[in-house]
Amino acid sequence: MDLITGAFKWLFQTRTGVLTLLGGGIVLFFIISAILEVRTRAKYKNHERSEDDWDLFDDESGWSEFEDDNK
């Protein structure tokens, strides 16, 4: 029981433990996102673009709808 208590104290009460917790979370979510990206690309590899498809960066005139802002 002391081993578990010591591990939790180190993880949540020391700077190194908190940084390890944050770094581990970042790595975990990076791995999950990479796996999901690979699965999505494998599932939709021959997907042709249609009129219903949208893209966040699809605007050809620039990132603003007002031309004066793009100068």
C-alpha atoms as a PDB file:
ATOM      1  CA  MET A   1       0.000   0.000   0.000  1.00  0.00           C
ATOM      2  CA  ASP A   2       2.908   2.341   0.697  1.00  0.00           C
ATOM      3  CA  LEU A   3       4.177   1.777  -2.840  1.00  0.00           C
ATOM      4  CA  ILE A   4       0.899   2.988  -4.361  1.00  0.00           C
ATOM      5  CA  THR A   5       0.729   5.954  -1.984  1.00  0.00           C
ATOM      6  CA  GLY A   6       4.307   6.907  -2.800  1.00  0.00           C
ATOM      7  CA  ALA A   7       3.639   6.656  -6.538  1.00  0.00           C
ATOM      8  CA  PHE A   8       0.571   8.904  -6.309  1.00  0.00           C
ATOM      9  CA  LYS A   9       2.441  11.421  -4.147  1.00  0.00           C
ATOM     10  CA  TRP A  10       5.287  11.512  -6.660  1.00  0.00           C
ATOM     11  CA  LEU A  11       2.915  11.762  -9.624  1.00  0.00           C
ATOM     12  CA  PHE A  12       0.720  14.550  -8.282  1.00  0.00           C
ATOM     13  CA  GLN A  13       2.875  16.411  -5.722  1.00  0.00           C
ATOM     14  CA  THR A  14       6.225  16.802  -7.483  1.00  0.00           C
ATOM     15  CA  ARG A  15       7.093  18.876 -10.501  1.00  0.00           C
ATOM     16  CA  THR A  16       8.704  15.905 -12.251  1.00  0.00           C
ATOM     17  CA  GLY A  17       5.648  13.754 -11.647  1.00  0.00           C
ATOM     18  CA  VAL A  18       3.234  16.351 -13.021  1.00  0.00           C
ATOM     19  CA  LEU A  19       5.433  16.888 -16.095  1.00  0.00           C
ATOM     20  CA  THR A  20       5.540  13.120 -16.591  1.00  0.00           C
ATOM     21  CA  LEU A  21       1.758  12.981 -16.333  1.00  0.00           C
ATOM     22  CA  LEU A  22       1.351  15.778 -18.896  1.00  0.00           C
ATOM     23  CA  GLY A  23       3.943  14.319 -21.247  1.00  0.00           C
ATOM     24  CA  GLY A  24       2.367  10.877 -21.007  1.00  0.00           C
ATOM     25  CA  GLY A  25      -1.035  12.347 -21.827  1.00  0.00           C
ATOM     26  CA  ILE A  26       0.341  14.141 -24.872  1.00  0.00           C
ATOM     27  CA  VAL A  27       2.046  10.977 -26.119  1.00  0.00           C
ATOM     28  CA  LEU A  28      -1.088   8.899 -25.490  1.00  0.00           C
ATOM     29  CA  PHE A  29      -3.317  11.272 -27.462  1.00  0.00           C
ATOM     30  CA  PHE A  30      -0.730  11.491 -30.261  1.00  0.00           C
ATOM     31  CA  ILE A  31      -0.711   7.693 -30.581  1.00  0.00           C
ATOM     32  CA  ILE A  32      -4.527   7.556 -30.562  1.00  0.00           C
ATOM     33  CA  SER A  33      -4.782  10.293 -33.217  1.00  0.00           C
ATOM     34  CA  ALA A  34      -2.191   8.581 -35.440  1.00  0.00           C
ATOM     35  CA  ILE A  35      -4.063   5.276 -35.246  1.00  0.00           C
ATOM     36  CA  LEU A  36      -7.392   6.921 -36.059  1.00  0.00           C
ATOM     37  CA  GLU A  37      -5.833   8.859 -38.948  1.00  0.00           C
ATOM     38  CA  VAL A  38      -4.397   5.668 -40.461  1.00  0.00           C
ATOM     39  CA  ARG A  39      -7.748   3.893 -40.140  1.00  0.00           C
ATOM     40  CA  THR A  40      -9.595   6.803 -41.743  1.00  0.00           C
ATOM     41  CA  ARG A  41      -7.175   7.037 -44.665  1.00  0.00           C
ATOM     42  CA  ALA A  42      -7.401   3.272 -45.206  1.00  0.00           C
ATOM     43  CA  LYS A  43     -11.194   3.381 -45.198  1.00  0.00           C
ATOM     44  CA  TYR A  44     -11.578   6.396 -47.523  1.00  0.00           C
ATOM     45  CA  LYS A  45      -8.479   6.106 -49.720  1.00  0.00           C
ATOM     46  CA  ASN A  46     -10.449   6.270 -53.002  1.00  0.00           C
ATOM     47  CA  HIS A  47     -12.883   8.938 -51.866  1.00  0.00           C
ATOM     48  CA  GLU A  48     -13.544  11.421 -54.652  1.00  0.00           C
ATOM     49  CA  ARG A  49     -14.468  14.979 -53.769  1.00  0.00           C
ATOM     50  CA  SER A  50     -18.108  15.928 -54.318  1.00  0.00           C
ATOM     51  CA  GLU A  51     -20.022  19.191 -53.997  1.00  0.00           C
ATOM     52  CA  ASP A  52     -21.197  18.200 -50.500  1.00  0.00           C
ATOM     53  CA  ASP A  53     -17.638  17.833 -49.189  1.00  0.00           C
ATOM     54  CA  TRP A  54     -16.240  20.791 -47.313  1.00  0.00           C
ATOM     55  CA  ASP A  55     -12.803  21.700 -46.121  1.00  0.00           C
ATOM     56  CA  LEU A  56     -11.787  24.145 -43.442  1.00  0.00           C
ATOM     57  CA  PHE A  57      -9.011  25.531 -45.673  1.00  0.00           C
ATOM     58  CA  ASP A  58     -10.942  25.414 -48.959  1.00  0.00           C
ATOM     59  CA  ASP A  59     -11.303  29.164 -49.465  1.00  0.00           C
ATOM     60  CA  GLU A  60      -9.282  30.139 -52.563  1.00  0.00           C
ATOM     61  CA  SER A  61      -9.522  33.902 -52.095  1.00  0.00           C
ATOM     62  CA  GLY A  62      -7.611  33.876 -48.795  1.00  0.00           C
ATOM     63  CA  TRP A  63      -8.385  33.294 -45.174  1.00  0.00           C
ATOM     64  CA  SER A  64     -10.759  36.246 -44.903  1.00  0.00           C
ATOM     65  CA  GLU A  65     -14.030  36.826 -46.711  1.00  0.00           C
ATOM     66  CA  PHE A  66     -13.162  40.529 -47.075  1.00  0.00           C
ATOM     67  CA  GLU A  67     -10.548  41.244 -49.756  1.00  0.00           C
ATOM     68  CA  ASP A  68      -9.300  44.354 -47.934  1.00  0.00           C
ATOM     69  CA  ASP A  69      -8.236  42.187 -44.964  1.00  0.00           C
ATOM     70  CA  ASN A  70      -6.104  39.938 -47.178  1.00  0.00           C
ATOM     71  CA  LYS A  71      -3.669  42.683 -48.213  1.00  0.00           C
END
